[in-house]
Protein backbone atom coordinates (compact mmCIF):
# COMPACT_ATOMS: atom_id res chain seq x y z
CA MET A 1 -4.36 -73.15 14.83
CA PRO A 2 -6.71 -70.29 13.97
CA THR A 3 -7.60 -67.62 16.52
CA TYR A 4 -11.28 -67.39 17.48
CA GLN A 5 -13.05 -64.50 19.17
CA LYS A 6 -16.80 -64.07 19.67
CA LEU A 7 -18.36 -60.69 20.15
CA THR A 8 -20.93 -60.32 22.87
CA SER A 9 -23.03 -57.37 23.90
CA THR A 10 -20.78 -56.95 26.96
CA LEU A 11 -18.14 -54.98 25.07
CA ALA A 12 -16.88 -53.28 28.24
CA ILE A 13 -15.65 -56.65 29.54
CA LEU A 14 -13.78 -57.24 26.29
CA SER A 15 -12.17 -53.83 26.55
CA VAL A 16 -10.89 -54.60 30.06
CA THR A 17 -9.56 -57.93 28.82
CA CYS A 18 -7.69 -56.19 26.01
CA ALA A 19 -6.00 -53.80 28.42
CA THR A 20 -4.53 -56.62 30.50
CA TYR A 21 -1.38 -56.90 28.42
CA ALA A 22 -1.30 -53.35 27.08
CA ASP A 23 1.96 -51.41 26.81
CA ASP A 24 2.21 -48.08 28.60
CA THR A 25 1.45 -45.07 26.39
CA ALA A 26 3.57 -42.98 28.78
CA ASP A 27 6.61 -44.63 27.13
CA LEU A 28 5.73 -42.72 23.95
CA SER A 29 5.36 -39.28 25.53
CA GLY A 30 7.46 -36.59 23.91
CA ASN A 31 7.93 -34.66 20.69
CA TRP A 32 7.86 -36.48 17.35
CA ARG A 33 8.22 -35.71 13.66
CA GLU A 34 6.05 -37.53 11.11
CA LEU A 35 7.38 -37.95 7.57
CA ARG A 36 4.85 -39.23 5.05
CA LEU A 37 5.01 -40.25 1.39
CA GLU A 38 1.69 -40.39 -0.46
CA THR A 39 1.01 -41.72 -3.96
CA PRO A 40 -2.09 -42.45 -6.01
CA ALA A 41 -3.39 -46.02 -6.09
CA ALA A 42 -4.50 -46.06 -9.72
CA LEU A 43 -4.38 -44.42 -13.12
CA ILE A 44 -7.92 -43.58 -14.24
CA GLU A 45 -9.03 -43.37 -17.88
CA THR A 46 -11.98 -41.39 -19.24
CA TYR A 47 -13.81 -42.63 -22.34
CA TYR A 48 -16.23 -40.58 -24.45
CA ASN A 49 -18.96 -42.15 -26.58
CA ILE A 50 -19.32 -40.16 -29.79
CA SER A 51 -22.86 -41.38 -30.48
CA THR A 52 -24.43 -40.95 -27.02
CA GLY A 53 -22.28 -38.13 -25.68
CA GLU A 54 -21.77 -40.11 -22.48
CA THR A 55 -18.52 -40.49 -20.58
CA ARG A 56 -17.32 -43.29 -18.34
CA ARG A 57 -14.26 -43.77 -16.18
CA SER A 58 -12.28 -46.87 -15.35
CA SER A 59 -9.15 -47.81 -13.43
CA ASP A 60 -9.25 -51.43 -14.63
CA SER A 61 -6.06 -52.25 -16.52
CA GLN A 62 -8.02 -54.81 -18.55
CA ASP A 63 -10.51 -52.17 -19.76
CA TYR A 64 -10.17 -50.16 -22.97
CA ALA A 65 -12.17 -47.94 -25.33
CA GLN A 66 -15.16 -49.86 -26.64
CA SER A 67 -16.86 -49.48 -30.02
CA GLY A 68 -17.87 -45.85 -30.53
CA GLU A 69 -15.71 -44.59 -27.67
CA LEU A 70 -12.64 -42.39 -27.60
CA LEU A 71 -10.04 -42.29 -24.85
CA VAL A 72 -10.04 -38.57 -23.99
CA ASP A 73 -8.26 -38.29 -20.65
CA THR A 74 -6.09 -39.98 -18.06
CA TYR A 75 -5.46 -38.84 -14.53
CA TYR A 76 -4.24 -40.18 -11.19
CA SER A 77 -6.71 -41.18 -8.48
CA SER A 78 -4.90 -38.82 -6.06
CA ASP A 79 -1.79 -36.65 -5.94
CA PHE A 80 1.82 -37.59 -5.39
CA ALA A 81 2.70 -35.73 -2.20
CA THR A 82 4.83 -35.68 0.93
CA GLU A 83 4.15 -34.20 4.33
CA ALA A 84 6.32 -33.41 7.33
CA SER A 85 4.64 -32.45 10.60
CA SER A 86 5.39 -32.13 14.31
CA LEU A 87 3.47 -34.18 16.86
CA SER A 88 3.37 -34.29 20.63
CA ILE A 89 2.20 -37.32 22.63
CA ASP A 90 1.34 -37.02 26.32
CA ALA A 91 1.41 -39.77 28.95
CA SER A 92 -2.31 -40.51 28.44
CA GLY A 93 -1.90 -41.11 24.71
CA ASN A 94 -3.33 -37.79 23.51
CA ILE A 95 -1.71 -36.63 20.26
CA SER A 96 -1.53 -32.96 19.32
CA GLY A 97 0.33 -30.84 16.82
CA GLY A 98 -1.39 -31.77 13.58
CA ALA A 99 -4.90 -33.17 13.69
CA ALA A 100 -5.86 -33.97 17.29
CA ALA A 101 -5.81 -37.72 17.88
CA GLN A 102 -5.97 -40.34 20.60
CA ILE A 103 -4.11 -43.63 21.06
CA LEU A 104 -6.86 -46.23 21.50
CA ASP A 105 -4.72 -49.32 21.99
CA TYR A 106 -1.01 -50.04 22.44
CA ASN A 107 0.12 -53.64 22.85
CA ARG A 108 3.26 -55.65 21.97
CA GLY A 109 4.59 -52.85 19.79
CA ARG A 110 1.32 -52.33 17.89
CA LEU A 111 -0.36 -48.96 18.25
CA LEU A 112 -3.85 -47.93 17.15
CA ALA A 113 -4.63 -44.22 17.01
CA LYS A 114 -7.59 -42.32 15.56
CA ASP A 115 -7.83 -38.68 14.55
CA ASP A 116 -10.72 -36.77 16.09
CA GLY A 117 -13.58 -36.88 13.61
CA GLU A 118 -11.97 -39.71 11.66
CA SER A 119 -13.94 -42.85 10.92
CA LEU A 120 -12.65 -45.98 12.62
CA ALA A 121 -12.61 -47.60 9.21
CA ASP A 122 -9.90 -45.09 8.22
CA ALA A 123 -7.68 -45.82 11.24
CA SER A 124 -4.75 -48.16 10.83
CA PRO A 125 -2.33 -49.75 13.32
CA ALA A 126 1.26 -48.50 13.41
CA TYR A 127 4.33 -50.27 14.80
CA VAL A 128 6.80 -49.03 17.42
CA ASN A 129 10.42 -50.20 17.49
CA LEU A 130 12.11 -51.56 20.61
CA ALA A 131 13.75 -48.23 21.45
CA LYS A 132 10.34 -46.54 21.15
CA ASP A 133 11.74 -43.81 18.94
CA ILE A 134 10.55 -44.96 15.49
CA ILE A 135 6.96 -45.68 14.44
CA THR A 136 6.15 -47.07 10.98
CA ASN A 137 2.84 -47.34 9.19
CA SER A 138 1.39 -47.93 5.74
CA THR A 139 -2.18 -47.59 4.49
CA ALA A 140 -3.95 -47.98 1.18
CA ASP A 141 -7.41 -47.66 -0.32
CA SER A 142 -8.80 -47.49 -3.84
CA ASN A 143 -7.61 -43.90 -4.31
CA SER A 144 -4.29 -43.55 -2.51
CA GLN A 145 -1.53 -45.25 -0.58
CA GLU A 146 0.95 -43.90 1.91
CA LEU A 147 4.01 -44.80 3.93
CA SER A 148 4.78 -43.03 7.23
CA ILE A 149 7.87 -42.91 9.43
CA VAL A 150 7.50 -41.09 12.75
CA LEU A 151 10.67 -40.20 14.68
CA ARG A 152 10.90 -39.24 18.33
CA GLN A 153 13.05 -36.10 18.47
CA PRO A 154 16.22 -36.14 20.58
CA ALA A 155 16.56 -33.82 23.56
CA SER A 156 19.73 -32.38 22.02
CA LEU A 157 22.00 -32.88 19.03
CA SER A 158 25.65 -31.98 18.48
CA LEU A 159 27.60 -32.09 15.24
CA SER A 160 30.10 -34.63 16.60
CA GLU A 161 27.30 -37.12 17.27
CA LEU A 162 26.78 -37.39 13.52
CA ASP A 163 30.34 -38.54 12.82
CA GLY A 164 30.61 -42.08 11.46
CA LYS A 165 29.60 -44.26 8.54
CA TRP A 166 26.01 -44.05 7.34
CA GLY A 167 23.95 -45.93 4.76
CA LEU A 168 21.71 -43.93 2.42
CA GLY A 169 18.74 -44.94 0.30
CA ASN A 170 16.33 -42.72 -1.57
CA ALA A 171 13.48 -42.84 -4.06
CA TYR A 172 13.00 -39.93 -6.46
CA ILE A 173 9.57 -40.45 -8.01
CA GLY A 174 8.71 -38.38 -11.07
CA SER A 175 5.05 -37.41 -11.09
CA ALA A 176 4.98 -35.01 -14.06
CA MET A 177 3.18 -36.44 -17.10
CA GLN A 178 2.37 -34.86 -20.45
CA GLU A 179 -0.67 -35.65 -22.58
CA THR A 180 -0.69 -35.14 -26.35
CA TYR A 181 -3.97 -34.39 -28.16
CA TYR A 182 -4.54 -34.48 -31.91
CA ASN A 183 -7.21 -32.61 -33.86
CA GLN A 184 -7.79 -34.44 -37.14
CA SER A 185 -9.76 -31.57 -38.69
CA THR A 186 -7.00 -29.00 -38.18
CA ASP A 187 -4.10 -31.47 -38.16
CA ASN A 188 -2.81 -29.78 -35.00
CA GLN A 189 -1.23 -31.30 -31.93
CA ARG A 190 -1.48 -29.88 -28.43
CA HIS A 191 0.51 -30.79 -25.32
CA SER A 192 -0.73 -30.35 -21.76
CA ASP A 193 -0.27 -31.78 -18.29
CA ILE A 194 -2.24 -34.70 -16.91
CA SER A 195 -4.87 -32.44 -15.35
CA ASP A 196 -6.14 -31.45 -18.82
CA TYR A 197 -8.45 -33.39 -21.17
CA ALA A 198 -9.35 -33.61 -24.86
CA ARG A 199 -11.31 -30.67 -26.18
CA GLU A 200 -13.91 -30.68 -28.98
CA GLY A 201 -12.53 -32.35 -32.09
CA GLU A 202 -9.48 -33.70 -30.25
CA ARG A 203 -8.45 -37.16 -29.21
CA LEU A 204 -5.73 -38.32 -26.85
CA VAL A 205 -2.85 -39.89 -28.77
CA ASP A 206 -0.10 -40.18 -26.15
CA LEU A 207 0.83 -39.99 -22.48
CA HIS A 208 4.48 -39.20 -21.82
CA ARG A 209 6.50 -39.06 -18.60
CA ILE A 210 8.45 -35.80 -18.14
CA GLU A 211 10.11 -36.49 -14.78
CA ASP A 212 11.77 -39.88 -14.44
CA PHE A 213 12.32 -42.20 -11.48
CA GLU A 214 15.63 -42.58 -9.68
CA SER A 215 16.80 -44.63 -6.72
CA ASN A 216 20.21 -44.25 -5.02
CA TRP A 217 21.92 -46.65 -2.63
CA GLY A 218 25.32 -46.30 -0.96
CA THR A 219 27.30 -45.11 2.05
CA LEU A 220 28.39 -41.76 3.41
CA THR A 221 31.16 -41.02 5.88
CA ILE A 222 30.54 -37.97 8.06
CA ASN A 223 33.44 -36.29 9.79
CA ASP A 224 33.52 -32.88 11.46
CA GLY A 225 30.74 -31.32 9.39
CA SER A 226 31.63 -32.82 6.00
CA PHE A 227 30.53 -36.01 4.26
CA SER A 228 31.83 -38.03 1.34
CA GLY A 229 31.03 -41.29 -0.41
CA LEU A 230 27.89 -41.72 -2.50
CA PHE A 231 27.55 -37.92 -2.38
CA SER A 232 29.75 -35.21 -0.93
CA GLY A 233 28.88 -32.02 0.88
CA SER A 234 28.56 -30.51 4.33
CA ILE A 235 26.31 -31.10 7.33
CA SER A 236 25.38 -28.85 10.23
CA VAL A 237 22.88 -28.81 13.09
CA ASN A 238 19.86 -26.57 13.57
CA GLY A 239 18.41 -27.21 17.02
CA VAL A 240 17.79 -30.97 17.09
CA ARG A 241 17.71 -31.40 13.32
CA PRO A 242 20.60 -32.08 10.92
CA VAL A 243 20.96 -29.79 7.89
CA VAL A 244 22.44 -31.51 4.84
CA ALA A 245 23.98 -29.41 2.06
CA PRO A 246 24.98 -31.53 -0.97
CA GLY A 247 27.98 -30.35 -2.94
CA ASP A 248 25.90 -29.76 -6.10
CA ASP A 249 23.39 -26.96 -6.62
CA THR A 250 20.77 -28.60 -4.39
CA SER A 251 19.52 -26.31 -1.61
CA PRO A 252 20.34 -27.34 1.99
CA MET A 253 17.79 -29.76 3.44
CA THR A 254 16.73 -29.64 7.09
CA MET A 255 16.15 -33.28 7.94
CA ASN A 256 14.83 -35.21 10.94
CA ILE A 257 16.63 -37.60 13.30
CA ASN A 258 15.42 -40.04 15.95
CA ALA A 259 16.23 -39.94 19.67
CA ALA A 260 18.93 -42.62 19.31
CA LYS A 261 20.53 -40.38 16.65
CA ASP A 262 21.01 -43.22 14.18
CA VAL A 263 18.15 -42.74 11.66
CA ILE A 264 17.64 -39.62 9.53
CA VAL A 265 14.56 -39.20 7.31
CA HIS A 266 13.61 -36.49 4.83
CA VAL A 267 10.67 -36.03 2.45
CA LYS A 268 10.39 -33.48 -0.33
CA THR A 269 7.77 -32.44 -2.89
CA GLU A 270 8.05 -30.30 -5.99
CA ALA A 271 4.37 -29.92 -6.87
CA GLY A 272 3.51 -31.46 -10.22
CA GLU A 273 7.08 -32.66 -10.77
CA TYR A 274 8.35 -35.17 -8.21
CA VAL A 275 8.28 -36.49 -4.66
CA GLU A 276 11.27 -37.87 -2.78
CA LEU A 277 11.92 -39.98 0.30
CA ILE A 278 15.42 -40.18 1.81
CA ILE A 279 16.47 -42.50 4.66
CA ILE A 280 19.97 -42.40 6.16
CA SER A 281 21.02 -44.70 9.00
CA LYS A 282 24.21 -44.85 11.04
CA LEU A 283 25.69 -48.30 10.48
CA PRO A 284 26.54 -50.47 13.50
CA SER A 285 30.18 -50.88 14.44
CA SER A 286 29.60 -54.64 14.62
CA LEU A 287 26.76 -56.97 13.71
CA ASN A 288 25.93 -60.65 14.11
CA LEU A 289 22.83 -62.54 13.01
CA ALA A 290 21.79 -63.48 16.54
CA GLU A 291 21.16 -59.78 17.21
CA LEU A 292 18.39 -59.86 14.61
CA SER A 293 16.48 -62.56 16.45
CA GLY A 294 12.94 -61.57 17.31
CA ASN A 295 9.68 -60.33 15.86
CA TRP A 296 9.84 -57.66 13.13
CA ARG A 297 7.13 -55.79 11.31
CA TYR A 298 7.45 -55.62 7.52
CA THR A 299 5.80 -52.95 5.40
CA SER A 300 6.40 -51.94 1.82
CA LEU A 301 5.12 -49.54 -0.80
CA PHE A 302 5.41 -50.14 -4.55
CA ILE A 303 5.10 -47.47 -7.24
CA PRO A 304 4.94 -48.82 -10.81
CA ILE A 305 7.00 -47.30 -13.62
CA GLU A 306 6.47 -49.29 -16.81
CA MET A 307 3.41 -48.29 -18.82
CA THR A 308 1.86 -49.86 -21.91
CA GLU A 309 -0.20 -48.07 -24.55
CA SER A 310 -2.64 -49.97 -26.79
CA TYR A 311 -3.49 -48.72 -30.29
CA TYR A 312 -6.28 -49.82 -32.64
CA ASN A 313 -6.61 -49.33 -36.40
CA SER A 314 -10.33 -49.26 -37.23
CA GLN A 315 -9.64 -49.61 -40.96
CA THR A 316 -7.63 -52.82 -40.72
CA GLY A 317 -8.97 -54.13 -37.42
CA ASN A 318 -5.40 -54.55 -36.20
CA SER A 319 -4.17 -53.61 -32.76
CA ARG A 320 -0.70 -53.20 -31.31
CA THR A 321 0.96 -52.12 -28.08
CA GLY A 322 3.82 -49.75 -27.39
CA ASP A 323 5.62 -48.23 -24.45
CA ILE A 324 5.23 -44.73 -23.05
CA ASN A 325 7.70 -43.38 -25.63
CA ASP A 326 5.46 -44.50 -28.49
CA TYR A 327 2.26 -42.81 -29.70
CA ALA A 328 -0.80 -43.43 -31.85
CA GLY A 329 0.06 -43.01 -35.52
CA SER A 330 3.81 -43.50 -35.12
CA THR A 331 3.68 -46.28 -37.74
CA GLY A 332 2.25 -43.90 -40.34
CA LEU A 333 -1.17 -45.58 -40.20
CA SER A 334 -4.43 -44.23 -38.82
CA GLU A 335 -4.65 -45.41 -35.20
CA GLU A 336 -6.59 -44.68 -32.05
CA LEU A 337 -5.09 -44.79 -28.56
CA VAL A 338 -7.59 -47.05 -26.78
CA ASP A 339 -5.87 -47.92 -23.51
CA ILE A 340 -3.03 -46.89 -21.19
CA TYR A 341 -2.09 -49.01 -18.21
CA TYR A 342 0.74 -49.81 -15.84
CA THR A 343 2.33 -53.23 -16.30
CA ASP A 344 2.25 -53.65 -12.53
CA GLU A 345 -0.02 -52.12 -9.88
CA PHE A 346 0.37 -49.61 -7.08
CA SER A 347 0.43 -51.65 -3.88
CA THR A 348 1.37 -51.86 -0.22
CA LYS A 349 2.24 -55.02 1.69
CA GLN A 350 2.63 -55.73 5.36
CA GLY A 351 3.06 -58.58 7.79
CA ASN A 352 5.13 -60.07 10.59
CA ILE A 353 8.61 -61.49 10.10
CA HIS A 354 10.10 -63.91 12.61
CA ILE A 355 13.90 -64.06 12.51
CA ASP A 356 15.80 -66.78 14.36
CA SER A 357 19.33 -66.58 15.75
CA SER A 358 20.76 -67.88 12.45
CA GLY A 359 19.09 -65.17 10.37
CA ASN A 360 16.34 -67.37 8.90
CA ALA A 361 13.15 -65.39 8.28
CA SER A 362 9.59 -66.64 8.04
CA GLY A 363 6.19 -64.99 7.87
CA ALA A 364 5.43 -62.12 5.49
CA ILE A 365 8.67 -62.86 3.65
CA ASN A 366 10.63 -66.10 3.70
CA GLY A 367 14.35 -66.42 3.21
CA SER A 368 17.56 -65.80 5.10
CA PHE A 369 19.63 -62.82 6.16
CA SER A 370 23.40 -62.60 5.92
CA ILE A 371 25.86 -59.85 6.80
CA ALA A 372 27.81 -57.74 4.33
CA ASN A 373 30.88 -57.46 6.55
CA THR A 374 32.48 -54.62 4.63
CA GLU A 375 29.89 -52.17 5.97
CA ASN A 376 27.93 -54.16 8.58
CA SER A 377 24.76 -54.05 6.50
CA LEU A 378 22.41 -56.89 5.57
CA LEU A 379 21.64 -59.03 2.56
CA PHE A 380 18.32 -60.84 2.28
CA ASN A 381 18.32 -64.03 0.19
CA ASP A 382 14.95 -64.83 -1.36
CA SER A 383 15.36 -67.93 -3.56
CA GLY A 384 18.68 -66.70 -4.88
CA ASP A 385 17.73 -63.05 -5.29
CA LEU A 386 19.81 -60.86 -2.97
CA ALA A 387 18.37 -57.62 -1.61
CA PRO A 388 20.63 -55.24 0.36
CA LEU A 389 19.33 -53.57 3.52
CA TYR A 390 20.85 -50.96 5.76
CA ILE A 391 20.26 -51.39 9.50
CA ASN A 392 20.70 -48.72 12.14
CA ALA A 393 23.29 -48.85 14.93
CA SER A 394 20.54 -49.73 17.45
CA LYS A 395 19.70 -52.74 15.25
CA ASN A 396 15.93 -52.23 15.43
CA PHE A 397 15.17 -50.63 12.06
CA ALA A 398 16.19 -51.70 8.55
CA TYR A 399 15.17 -50.63 5.06
CA ASN A 400 15.63 -51.26 1.36
CA PHE A 401 15.07 -49.21 -1.81
CA SER A 402 14.99 -51.16 -5.06
CA GLN A 403 14.15 -50.23 -8.63
CA ASP A 404 13.77 -52.16 -11.88
CA THR A 405 11.93 -51.58 -15.14
CA TYR A 406 8.61 -52.38 -13.46
CA GLY A 407 8.77 -49.95 -10.55
CA VAL A 408 10.26 -48.70 -7.28
CA ASN A 409 9.80 -50.63 -4.05
CA ILE A 410 10.42 -49.24 -0.56
CA SER A 411 10.61 -51.78 2.29
CA LEU A 412 10.80 -51.06 6.02
CA LEU A 413 11.53 -53.54 8.83
CA THR A 414 10.77 -52.47 12.39
CA LYS A 415 11.85 -54.67 15.29
CA ILE A 416 9.00 -54.71 17.80
CA SER A 417 10.10 -57.55 20.08
CA SER A 418 13.22 -59.57 20.90
CA ASP A 419 11.01 -62.60 21.44
CA THR A 420 9.69 -64.65 18.56
CA PRO A 421 6.00 -65.57 19.00
CA GLU A 422 5.70 -69.23 19.96
CA THR A 423 2.19 -69.74 18.57
CA PHE A 424 0.10 -68.56 15.65
CA GLU A 425 -2.21 -66.83 18.12
CA GLU A 426 0.67 -64.77 19.53
CA SER A 427 1.84 -63.91 16.03
CA VAL A 428 -1.59 -62.64 14.93
CA ASP A 429 -2.34 -61.03 18.33
CA LEU A 430 -6.05 -60.55 17.64
CA ARG A 431 -7.56 -58.00 20.02
CA LEU A 432 -11.00 -56.50 20.57
CA VAL A 433 -11.36 -52.88 21.57
CA GLN A 434 -14.50 -50.90 22.34
CA VAL A 435 -14.58 -47.46 20.70
CA ASP A 436 -17.70 -45.29 20.75
CA GLY A 437 -19.93 -48.33 20.99
CA GLU A 438 -18.30 -50.10 18.06
CA ALA A 439 -16.40 -53.37 18.23
CA VAL A 440 -12.97 -52.99 16.70
CA PHE A 441 -10.65 -55.85 15.82
CA THR A 442 -6.97 -55.08 15.62
CA LEU A 443 -4.42 -57.66 14.57
CA ASN A 444 -1.02 -58.02 13.01
CA GLY A 445 -2.54 -58.08 9.55
CA SER A 446 -0.69 -59.60 6.65
CA ASN A 447 -1.28 -60.21 2.96
CA ASP A 448 -0.96 -63.94 3.62
CA LEU A 449 -3.80 -63.99 6.18
CA LYS A 450 -7.57 -63.90 5.82
CA ILE A 451 -10.34 -63.09 8.31
CA VAL A 452 -13.51 -65.16 8.18
CA SER A 453 -16.73 -65.22 10.22
CA SER A 454 -19.42 -67.76 10.98
CA GLN A 455 -22.66 -67.95 12.94
CA THR A 456 -21.56 -71.31 14.39
CA LEU A 457 -18.26 -72.66 15.65
CA GLY A 458 -18.23 -75.46 13.12
CA THR A 459 -15.27 -76.90 11.27
CA ALA A 460 -16.93 -77.13 7.84
CA ALA A 461 -15.36 -74.64 5.46
CA SER A 462 -18.77 -73.87 3.98
CA THR A 463 -19.92 -72.25 7.23
CA TRP A 464 -17.16 -69.63 7.15
CA ALA A 465 -17.16 -66.56 4.89
CA GLU A 466 -14.25 -64.20 4.37
CA LEU A 467 -14.85 -60.61 5.42
CA SER A 468 -14.61 -58.15 2.56
CA ASP A 469 -11.21 -56.50 2.13
CA SER A 470 -9.64 -58.73 4.77
CA GLU A 471 -6.42 -59.31 2.82
CA GLY A 472 -3.69 -57.32 4.52
CA SER A 473 -6.20 -55.73 6.89
CA SER A 474 -5.06 -54.80 10.39
CA ILE A 475 -8.32 -53.33 11.63
CA ILE A 476 -11.93 -54.47 11.19
CA THR A 477 -14.88 -52.53 12.56
CA ARG A 478 -18.16 -54.36 13.22
CA SER A 479 -21.13 -52.42 14.51
CA ASP A 480 -23.97 -54.27 12.80
CA ALA A 481 -26.33 -56.50 14.75
CA ALA A 482 -24.97 -59.72 13.26
CA ALA A 483 -21.52 -58.99 14.67
CA THR A 484 -22.73 -59.56 18.22
CA SER A 485 -23.41 -63.25 17.54
CA GLU A 486 -20.65 -64.24 15.14
CA PHE A 487 -17.39 -66.11 15.57
CA TYR A 488 -14.26 -64.81 13.86
CA SER A 489 -11.20 -66.68 12.67
CA VAL A 490 -7.83 -65.54 11.38
CA THR A 491 -6.18 -68.20 9.24
CA PRO A 492 -3.32 -68.40 6.71
CA ARG A 493 -4.26 -68.27 3.06
CA THR A 494 -3.68 -71.33 0.94
CA GLU A 495 -1.39 -71.16 -2.10
CA ALA A 496 -4.47 -71.34 -4.34
CA GLU A 497 -5.85 -68.18 -2.74
């Protein structure tokens, strides 16, 4: 059954209703560390028309240089970056440390916070695990996408508390690209980074990746300040943060650990070269599928790798494609580079997962979990494809890093409740909150849900229209006059959609 809510002008009443089942923000009070990975959402191409002198830009992978145009530049819609910052949350839900912010709503593990001065449209719900020491969040727009993990800091940390077997996953994402320009008049080539563009008389003939992608997955055993396994090295403690010193030439890394002392996260940026996310979790001493039972929040971030270049020979009218290691003119014929695109797209996904006592999962992803007994980690079976996940000793946070020729995918699972929602309404958990005179919907958004509105509470499909950008949305702001007299429905998408 869909969930219906109608806005009225009495928004204060709706706000009181929303607070009836709210969790206590005092449970979140303390010091936290936010670790964030940011990537662009698109590769943008610039075309120059020789006849008109006009330029145009496009991020459409189906677009290419038209007649009379030259492809003169490519660039990312935003930077690859990471950020680590300290936050403090007080009992009233005020957040300080970075940008000042306020928790607006906190219910059934879902938290909505807004930075001071930030538009409500830019806010996004985050999800709190059962132990209330890990918060996860992902956001995306046309320019960028990001994945955040926020850890409550422990009151203290000793070296011996780190002893044990840990699972490690990381994503090393090369961001350095090189463009090659060719000047036909001088027969010269010039190489530059992706921030440059073709100069007079030049044309872009190639885009080449300098830094590659790498993903690692394996276990570490920590004992008395040393670790071995996937990597070897030493570990120490600085205050309430572990310091990891790999045995190679890598500099020591001061990482971050949660209050339960079973999840370590680190982010790193080398400007213009790469970004990296590392997650390390202490593995449970024992694990059974029934302990997974409950409601989990799934979020993922995908960064594409494989790129295709399209070349056109104006003399023969022939076109061909090549990979990022190819270039225009490599065949010995006169060619123009007319298009560069990723085979897949930058993307984030999110949704609820309901896991029963036998490990069967439904919702945002469907399949079944099993246990890899050798290390008490998890395997997820999706139609025969097995994906490994490490789960922390508290059994309320799991993750996966995977890489193939198409790209790198990072998946996080956050357990927000031991109870599985009994109805669709409970699963969606649609709420209305009043903020600065605006009506704000928050819900457990998912890529397999859509939000529609209608002036009447009719059953005819023709009376309902989907709200723009509702796919995957977890917050909808409605301040226009029509919103005060509309009905809203959250329904599953059909396979055709």
